[in-house]
Amino acid sequence: MQKGHTTETDHYRFLAGKHWLTDPIQGLFMSRPRKALIGQIKALNPQRVLDVCCGSGDIARHFTRAGIETTGVDSSDSMLQRAREKRRINHIHKLDVTQMDFHKEFDVAYVSLAIHEMSADTREQVWKKMLQAVRDGGTIIVLDFSVAKKKRFWSRFWSGFTELDEKSFLKTNPPHYYNYKEFMSNGGVYDWLLQCAGKIDKAETFFADTLAVLSIHVSGTE
């Protein structure tokens, strides 16, 4: 059994008591990429799924309700309280995701809209921990912001919208925004995952290529 504890500051405490509003809004806005993420995972017919930075469990609940054993890891008390109240995740672990110590236990591990807010060093650690957690032949899926290859009106629009939203974190957690800026300056999620894994097995893009759902199959040789 995974064990761990973190005293990390809960940067999402400001959302406590507001999930009844924020969950539906984010779910509506992110409906297409989330549907792609959930669809990719369900198509693999997994028995055990790991949600890295699971938050309130708004994505994990789709697997739990489908009878797929889900495990969620997050360091935010306020987020995990919501997940517990709604019984969205089978197994919840409150700890920094860099402290995960799973060993080839999951068919799928995924992380949604969290990689961009991490420092470069933390991203590297999380990638290694996810790779360690997934069995040979399993899959890792990442949903996060990407840099559009072609700069057109809609890609500039969505990039600007995302920039404004991320900039709001300067009030509650400045490193979040600075890590996002560094992440995007280095190509966003596509270039990050390609650097980590050396390949992309499946890619679906949204919002004029400014957000992507990417997956890689773990062969055991990574």
C-alpha atoms as a PDB file:
ATOM      1  CA  MET A   1       0.000   0.000   0.000  1.00  0.00           C
ATOM      2  CA  GLN A   2       1.181   3.465  -0.889  1.00  0.00           C
ATOM      3  CA  LYS A   3       2.148   5.523   2.117  1.00  0.00           C
ATOM      4  CA  GLY A   4       3.141   9.122   2.413  1.00  0.00           C
ATOM      5  CA  HIS A   5       2.357  12.510   3.801  1.00  0.00           C
ATOM      6  CA  THR A   6       3.036  16.058   2.782  1.00  0.00           C
ATOM      7  CA  THR A   7       2.905  19.366   4.583  1.00  0.00           C
ATOM      8  CA  GLU A   8       2.926  21.267   1.289  1.00  0.00           C
ATOM      9  CA  THR A   9       0.813  24.420   1.244  1.00  0.00           C
ATOM     10  CA  ASP A  10      -2.657  23.843  -0.169  1.00  0.00           C
ATOM     11  CA  HIS A  11      -2.679  26.329  -3.042  1.00  0.00           C
ATOM     12  CA  TYR A  12      -6.225  25.333  -3.966  1.00  0.00           C
ATOM     13  CA  ARG A  13      -7.801  26.055  -0.605  1.00  0.00           C
ATOM     14  CA  PHE A  14      -9.369  29.177  -2.114  1.00  0.00           C
ATOM     15  CA  LEU A  15     -11.656  26.825  -4.072  1.00  0.00           C
ATOM     16  CA  ALA A  16     -12.987  25.109  -0.944  1.00  0.00           C
ATOM     17  CA  GLY A  17     -16.756  25.353  -0.862  1.00  0.00           C
ATOM     18  CA  LYS A  18     -16.889  26.456  -4.498  1.00  0.00           C
ATOM     19  CA  HIS A  19     -16.563  23.075  -6.225  1.00  0.00           C
ATOM     20  CA  TRP A  20     -20.322  22.916  -6.796  1.00  0.00           C
ATOM     21  CA  LEU A  21     -19.731  25.774  -9.243  1.00  0.00           C
ATOM     22  CA  THR A  22     -16.158  25.302 -10.490  1.00  0.00           C
ATOM     23  CA  ASP A  23     -16.463  21.578 -11.306  1.00  0.00           C
ATOM     24  CA  PRO A  24     -19.418  22.013 -13.721  1.00  0.00           C
ATOM     25  CA  ILE A  25     -17.860  25.090 -15.340  1.00  0.00           C
ATOM     26  CA  GLN A  26     -14.539  23.402 -15.965  1.00  0.00           C
ATOM     27  CA  GLY A  27     -16.325  20.220 -17.035  1.00  0.00           C
ATOM     28  CA  LEU A  28     -18.338  22.146 -19.614  1.00  0.00           C
ATOM     29  CA  PHE A  29     -15.417  24.158 -20.937  1.00  0.00           C
ATOM     30  CA  MET A  30     -13.146  21.108 -21.083  1.00  0.00           C
ATOM     31  CA  SER A  31     -15.813  18.672 -22.242  1.00  0.00           C
ATOM     32  CA  ARG A  32     -14.218  17.746 -25.588  1.00  0.00           C
ATOM     33  CA  PRO A  33     -10.634  17.148 -24.399  1.00  0.00           C
ATOM     34  CA  ARG A  34     -11.898  15.371 -21.282  1.00  0.00           C
ATOM     35  CA  LYS A  35     -14.136  13.190 -23.430  1.00  0.00           C
ATOM     36  CA  ALA A  36     -11.104  12.311 -25.543  1.00  0.00           C
ATOM     37  CA  LEU A  37      -9.035  11.471 -22.451  1.00  0.00           C
ATOM     38  CA  ILE A  38     -11.785   9.348 -20.911  1.00  0.00           C
ATOM     39  CA  GLY A  39     -12.501   7.664 -24.236  1.00  0.00           C
ATOM     40  CA  GLN A  40      -8.872   6.766 -24.816  1.00  0.00           C
ATOM     41  CA  ILE A  41      -8.630   5.215 -21.368  1.00  0.00           C
ATOM     42  CA  LYS A  42     -11.885   3.260 -21.523  1.00  0.00           C
ATOM     43  CA  ALA A  43     -10.960   1.922 -24.964  1.00  0.00           C
ATOM     44  CA  LEU A  44      -7.981   0.207 -23.323  1.00  0.00           C
ATOM     45  CA  ASN A  45     -10.305  -1.765 -21.000  1.00  0.00           C
ATOM     46  CA  PRO A  46      -8.097  -1.182 -17.966  1.00  0.00           C
ATOM     47  CA  GLN A  47      -8.660  -2.835 -14.620  1.00  0.00           C
ATOM     48  CA  ARG A  48      -6.629  -0.359 -12.580  1.00  0.00           C
ATOM     49  CA  VAL A  49      -6.135   3.349 -13.301  1.00  0.00           C
ATOM     50  CA  LEU A  50      -3.934   5.944 -11.575  1.00  0.00           C
ATOM     51  CA  ASP A  51      -4.996   9.604 -11.553  1.00  0.00           C
ATOM     52  CA  VAL A  52      -1.938  11.762 -10.854  1.00  0.00           C
ATOM     53  CA  CYS A  53      -2.874  15.143  -9.332  1.00  0.00           C
ATOM     54  CA  CYS A  54      -6.451  13.896  -9.127  1.00  0.00           C
ATOM     55  CA  GLY A  55      -7.849  17.053  -7.523  1.00  0.00           C
ATOM     56  CA  SER A  56     -11.539  16.742  -6.715  1.00  0.00           C
ATOM     57  CA  GLY A  57     -11.840  13.531  -8.726  1.00  0.00           C
ATOM     58  CA  ASP A  58     -14.059  15.038 -11.394  1.00  0.00           C
ATOM     59  CA  ILE A  59     -12.392  12.936 -14.083  1.00  0.00           C
ATOM     60  CA  ALA A  60     -11.724   9.841 -11.977  1.00  0.00           C
ATOM     61  CA  ARG A  61     -15.428   9.442 -11.215  1.00  0.00           C
ATOM     62  CA  HIS A  62     -16.040   8.358 -14.820  1.00  0.00           C
ATOM     63  CA  PHE A  63     -13.851   5.319 -14.247  1.00  0.00           C
ATOM     64  CA  THR A  64     -15.064   4.545 -10.753  1.00  0.00           C
ATOM     65  CA  ARG A  65     -18.673   4.519 -11.955  1.00  0.00           C
ATOM     66  CA  ALA A  66     -17.694   2.234 -14.833  1.00  0.00           C
ATOM     67  CA  GLY A  67     -16.338  -0.308 -12.345  1.00  0.00           C
ATOM     68  CA  ILE A  68     -12.681   0.472 -13.015  1.00  0.00           C
ATOM     69  CA  GLU A  69     -10.555   0.520  -9.869  1.00  0.00           C
ATOM     70  CA  THR A  70      -9.210   4.045  -9.528  1.00  0.00           C
ATOM     71  CA  THR A  71      -6.426   5.426  -7.373  1.00  0.00           C
ATOM     72  CA  GLY A  72      -5.921   9.161  -6.943  1.00  0.00           C
ATOM     73  CA  VAL A  73      -2.896  11.060  -5.659  1.00  0.00           C
ATOM     74  CA  ASP A  74      -2.903  14.740  -4.717  1.00  0.00           C
ATOM     75  CA  SER A  75      -1.499  17.015  -2.006  1.00  0.00           C
ATOM     76  CA  SER A  76      -4.498  19.344  -1.682  1.00  0.00           C
ATOM     77  CA  ASP A  77      -6.690  18.670   1.359  1.00  0.00           C
ATOM     78  CA  SER A  78      -9.499  20.827  -0.003  1.00  0.00           C
ATOM     79  CA  MET A  79      -9.550  19.021  -3.343  1.00  0.00           C
ATOM     80  CA  LEU A  80      -9.391  15.553  -1.804  1.00  0.00           C
ATOM     81  CA  GLN A  81     -12.148  16.401   0.659  1.00  0.00           C
ATOM     82  CA  ARG A  82     -14.450  16.973  -2.310  1.00  0.00           C
ATOM     83  CA  ALA A  83     -13.366  13.675  -3.890  1.00  0.00           C
ATOM     84  CA  ARG A  84     -14.114  11.820  -0.648  1.00  0.00           C
ATOM     85  CA  GLU A  85     -17.475  13.507  -0.101  1.00  0.00           C
ATOM     86  CA  LYS A  86     -18.607  12.515  -3.589  1.00  0.00           C
ATOM     87  CA  ARG A  87     -16.984   9.046  -3.394  1.00  0.00           C
ATOM     88  CA  ARG A  88     -15.369   9.624  -6.762  1.00  0.00           C
ATOM     89  CA  ILE A  89     -12.191   7.583  -6.231  1.00  0.00           C
ATOM     90  CA  ASN A  90     -11.681   4.096  -4.792  1.00  0.00           C
ATOM     91  CA  HIS A  91      -8.290   4.766  -3.208  1.00  0.00           C
ATOM     92  CA  ILE A  92      -7.026   8.228  -2.264  1.00  0.00           C
ATOM     93  CA  HIS A  93      -3.474   9.104  -1.215  1.00  0.00           C
ATOM     94  CA  LYS A  94      -2.636  12.551   0.109  1.00  0.00           C
ATOM     95  CA  LEU A  95       0.978  13.200  -0.769  1.00  0.00           C
ATOM     96  CA  ASP A  96       3.213  15.076  -3.145  1.00  0.00           C
ATOM     97  CA  VAL A  97       3.130  13.209  -6.452  1.00  0.00           C
ATOM     98  CA  THR A  98       6.934  13.112  -6.507  1.00  0.00           C
ATOM     99  CA  GLN A  99       6.648  10.796  -3.480  1.00  0.00           C
ATOM    100  CA  MET A 100       4.584   8.159  -5.287  1.00  0.00           C
ATOM    101  CA  ASP A 101       6.094   4.720  -4.953  1.00  0.00           C
ATOM    102  CA  PHE A 102       3.926   2.412  -7.039  1.00  0.00           C
ATOM    103  CA  HIS A 103       5.568  -0.455  -8.913  1.00  0.00           C
ATOM    104  CA  LYS A 104       3.991  -1.684 -12.155  1.00  0.00           C
ATOM    105  CA  GLU A 105       0.564  -1.684 -10.502  1.00  0.00           C
ATOM    106  CA  PHE A 106      -1.567   0.128 -13.080  1.00  0.00           C
ATOM    107  CA  ASP A 107      -2.769  -0.435 -16.624  1.00  0.00           C
ATOM    108  CA  VAL A 108      -3.062   3.318 -17.177  1.00  0.00           C
ATOM    109  CA  ALA A 109      -1.687   6.406 -15.457  1.00  0.00           C
ATOM    110  CA  TYR A 110      -2.871   9.833 -16.511  1.00  0.00           C
ATOM    111  CA  VAL A 111      -2.368  13.454 -15.485  1.00  0.00           C
ATOM    112  CA  SER A 112      -4.681  16.278 -16.544  1.00  0.00           C
ATOM    113  CA  LEU A 113      -3.780  19.992 -16.564  1.00  0.00           C
ATOM    114  CA  ALA A 114      -1.130  19.710 -13.881  1.00  0.00           C
ATOM    115  CA  ILE A 115       2.212  19.193 -15.609  1.00  0.00           C
ATOM    116  CA  HIS A 116       2.367  22.816 -16.778  1.00  0.00           C
ATOM    117  CA  GLU A 117       2.266  24.195 -13.226  1.00  0.00           C
ATOM    118  CA  MET A 118       5.232  22.120 -12.039  1.00  0.00           C
ATOM    119  CA  SER A 119       8.886  23.118 -12.103  1.00  0.00           C
ATOM    120  CA  ALA A 120      11.042  21.397 -14.726  1.00  0.00           C
ATOM    121  CA  ASP A 121      12.674  19.238 -12.065  1.00  0.00           C
ATOM    122  CA  THR A 122       9.313  18.184 -10.614  1.00  0.00           C
ATOM    123  CA  ARG A 123       8.003  17.292 -14.070  1.00  0.00           C
ATOM    124  CA  GLU A 124      10.971  15.017 -14.599  1.00  0.00           C
ATOM    125  CA  GLN A 125      10.396  13.309 -11.246  1.00  0.00           C
ATOM    126  CA  VAL A 126       6.682  12.863 -11.916  1.00  0.00           C
ATOM    127  CA  TRP A 127       7.367  11.353 -15.315  1.00  0.00           C
ATOM    128  CA  LYS A 128       9.697   8.778 -13.755  1.00  0.00           C
ATOM    129  CA  LYS A 129       7.161   7.996 -11.028  1.00  0.00           C
ATOM    130  CA  MET A 130       4.393   7.473 -13.601  1.00  0.00           C
ATOM    131  CA  LEU A 131       6.646   5.274 -15.685  1.00  0.00           C
ATOM    132  CA  GLN A 132       7.420   3.232 -12.596  1.00  0.00           C
ATOM    133  CA  ALA A 133       3.723   2.927 -11.703  1.00  0.00           C
ATOM    134  CA  VAL A 134       2.534   1.527 -15.038  1.00  0.00           C
ATOM    135  CA  ARG A 135       2.943  -2.122 -15.983  1.00  0.00           C
ATOM    136  CA  ASP A 136       4.810  -3.142 -19.125  1.00  0.00           C
ATOM    137  CA  GLY A 137       2.350  -2.831 -21.981  1.00  0.00           C
ATOM    138  CA  GLY A 138       0.370  -0.165 -20.114  1.00  0.00           C
ATOM    139  CA  THR A 139      -0.280   3.408 -21.149  1.00  0.00           C
ATOM    140  CA  ILE A 140       0.524   6.904 -19.893  1.00  0.00           C
ATOM    141  CA  ILE A 141      -1.765   9.741 -20.990  1.00  0.00           C
ATOM    142  CA  VAL A 142      -1.222  13.465 -20.508  1.00  0.00           C
ATOM    143  CA  LEU A 143      -3.718  16.269 -21.071  1.00  0.00           C
ATOM    144  CA  ASP A 144      -2.165  19.722 -21.019  1.00  0.00           C
ATOM    145  CA  PHE A 145      -1.398  22.924 -22.893  1.00  0.00           C
ATOM    146  CA  SER A 146       0.449  22.818 -26.175  1.00  0.00           C
ATOM    147  CA  VAL A 147       2.061  25.314 -28.512  1.00  0.00           C
ATOM    148  CA  ALA A 148       0.276  25.561 -31.851  1.00  0.00           C
ATOM    149  CA  LYS A 149       2.606  24.947 -34.778  1.00  0.00           C
ATOM    150  CA  LYS A 150       0.704  27.397 -36.960  1.00  0.00           C
ATOM    151  CA  LYS A 151      -0.059  30.838 -35.545  1.00  0.00           C
ATOM    152  CA  ARG A 152      -3.553  31.672 -36.685  1.00  0.00           C
ATOM    153  CA  PHE A 153      -6.372  33.775 -35.272  1.00  0.00           C
ATOM    154  CA  TRP A 154      -7.906  31.031 -33.141  1.00  0.00           C
ATOM    155  CA  SER A 155      -4.613  29.686 -31.864  1.00  0.00           C
ATOM    156  CA  ARG A 156      -3.627  33.221 -30.814  1.00  0.00           C
ATOM    157  CA  PHE A 157      -7.061  33.691 -29.244  1.00  0.00           C
ATOM    158  CA  TRP A 158      -6.913  30.501 -27.174  1.00  0.00           C
ATOM    159  CA  SER A 159      -3.288  31.070 -26.224  1.00  0.00           C
ATOM    160  CA  GLY A 160      -4.194  34.532 -24.992  1.00  0.00           C
ATOM    161  CA  PHE A 161      -7.204  33.202 -23.075  1.00  0.00           C
ATOM    162  CA  THR A 162      -5.054  30.561 -21.383  1.00  0.00           C
ATOM    163  CA  GLU A 163      -2.398  33.149 -20.563  1.00  0.00           C
ATOM    164  CA  LEU A 164      -4.968  35.333 -18.773  1.00  0.00           C
ATOM    165  CA  ASP A 165      -6.324  32.387 -16.813  1.00  0.00           C
ATOM    166  CA  GLU A 166      -2.881  31.197 -15.764  1.00  0.00           C
ATOM    167  CA  LYS A 167      -1.850  34.724 -14.838  1.00  0.00           C
ATOM    168  CA  SER A 168      -4.608  34.781 -12.224  1.00  0.00           C
ATOM    169  CA  PHE A 169      -2.495  32.372 -10.163  1.00  0.00           C
ATOM    170  CA  LEU A 170      -0.076  35.213  -9.467  1.00  0.00           C
ATOM    171  CA  LYS A 171      -2.463  36.135  -6.652  1.00  0.00           C
ATOM    172  CA  THR A 172      -2.472  32.730  -4.948  1.00  0.00           C
ATOM    173  CA  ASN A 173       0.582  30.805  -6.181  1.00  0.00           C
ATOM    174  CA  PRO A 174       3.083  32.781  -8.321  1.00  0.00           C
ATOM    175  CA  PRO A 175       5.337  29.754  -9.085  1.00  0.00           C
ATOM    176  CA  HIS A 176       2.362  28.173 -10.876  1.00  0.00           C
ATOM    177  CA  TYR A 177       2.368  30.964 -13.453  1.00  0.00           C
ATOM    178  CA  TYR A 178       6.144  31.130 -13.835  1.00  0.00           C
ATOM    179  CA  ASN A 179       6.344  27.365 -14.316  1.00  0.00           C
ATOM    180  CA  TYR A 180       3.612  27.605 -16.944  1.00  0.00           C
ATOM    181  CA  LYS A 181       5.576  30.287 -18.813  1.00  0.00           C
ATOM    182  CA  GLU A 182       8.743  28.171 -18.769  1.00  0.00           C
ATOM    183  CA  PHE A 183       6.768  25.097 -19.865  1.00  0.00           C
ATOM    184  CA  MET A 184       5.226  26.888 -22.850  1.00  0.00           C
ATOM    185  CA  SER A 185       8.501  28.538 -23.860  1.00  0.00           C
ATOM    186  CA  ASN A 186       9.883  25.023 -24.272  1.00  0.00           C
ATOM    187  CA  GLY A 187       7.111  23.782 -26.538  1.00  0.00           C
ATOM    188  CA  GLY A 188       4.347  22.802 -24.113  1.00  0.00           C
ATOM    189  CA  VAL A 189       3.102  19.293 -23.510  1.00  0.00           C
ATOM    190  CA  TYR A 190       3.948  17.841 -26.921  1.00  0.00           C
ATOM    191  CA  ASP A 191       7.639  18.734 -26.779  1.00  0.00           C
ATOM    192  CA  TRP A 192       7.841  17.798 -23.082  1.00  0.00           C
ATOM    193  CA  LEU A 193       6.411  14.320 -23.570  1.00  0.00           C
ATOM    194  CA  LEU A 194       8.442  13.755 -26.713  1.00  0.00           C
ATOM    195  CA  GLN A 195      11.578  14.629 -24.768  1.00  0.00           C
ATOM    196  CA  CYS A 196      10.594  12.264 -21.932  1.00  0.00           C
ATOM    197  CA  ALA A 197       9.417   9.285 -23.972  1.00  0.00           C
ATOM    198  CA  GLY A 198      11.046   9.782 -27.351  1.00  0.00           C
ATOM    199  CA  LYS A 199       7.692   9.153 -29.032  1.00  0.00           C
ATOM    200  CA  ILE A 200       4.004  10.015 -29.102  1.00  0.00           C
ATOM    201  CA  ASP A 201       1.735   7.073 -29.893  1.00  0.00           C
ATOM    202  CA  LYS A 202      -1.551   8.976 -30.108  1.00  0.00           C
ATOM    203  CA  ALA A 203      -2.360  12.681 -30.201  1.00  0.00           C
ATOM    204  CA  GLU A 204      -5.635  14.579 -30.187  1.00  0.00           C
ATOM    205  CA  THR A 205      -5.584  18.380 -30.170  1.00  0.00           C
ATOM    206  CA  PHE A 206      -8.169  21.004 -29.232  1.00  0.00           C
ATOM    207  CA  PHE A 207      -8.680  24.759 -29.175  1.00  0.00           C
ATOM    208  CA  ALA A 208      -6.713  25.313 -32.386  1.00  0.00           C
ATOM    209  CA  ASP A 209      -3.898  23.004 -31.243  1.00  0.00           C
ATOM    210  CA  THR A 210      -3.312  24.875 -27.979  1.00  0.00           C
ATOM    211  CA  LEU A 211      -4.298  21.883 -25.842  1.00  0.00           C
ATOM    212  CA  ALA A 212      -3.541  18.222 -26.428  1.00  0.00           C
ATOM    213  CA  VAL A 213      -4.307  14.730 -25.163  1.00  0.00           C
ATOM    214  CA  LEU A 214      -1.221  12.596 -25.756  1.00  0.00           C
ATOM    215  CA  SER A 215      -0.563   8.950 -24.997  1.00  0.00           C
ATOM    216  CA  ILE A 216       2.413   6.620 -25.025  1.00  0.00           C
ATOM    217  CA  HIS A 217       2.491   2.866 -24.603  1.00  0.00           C
ATOM    218  CA  VAL A 218       4.982   1.583 -22.054  1.00  0.00           C
ATOM    219  CA  SER A 219       7.058  -1.227 -23.535  1.00  0.00           C
ATOM    220  CA  GLY A 220       9.287  -1.913 -20.541  1.00  0.00           C
ATOM    221  CA  THR A 221      12.356  -0.517 -22.266  1.00  0.00           C
ATOM    222  CA  GLU A 222      11.750   3.185 -21.505  1.00  0.00           C
END
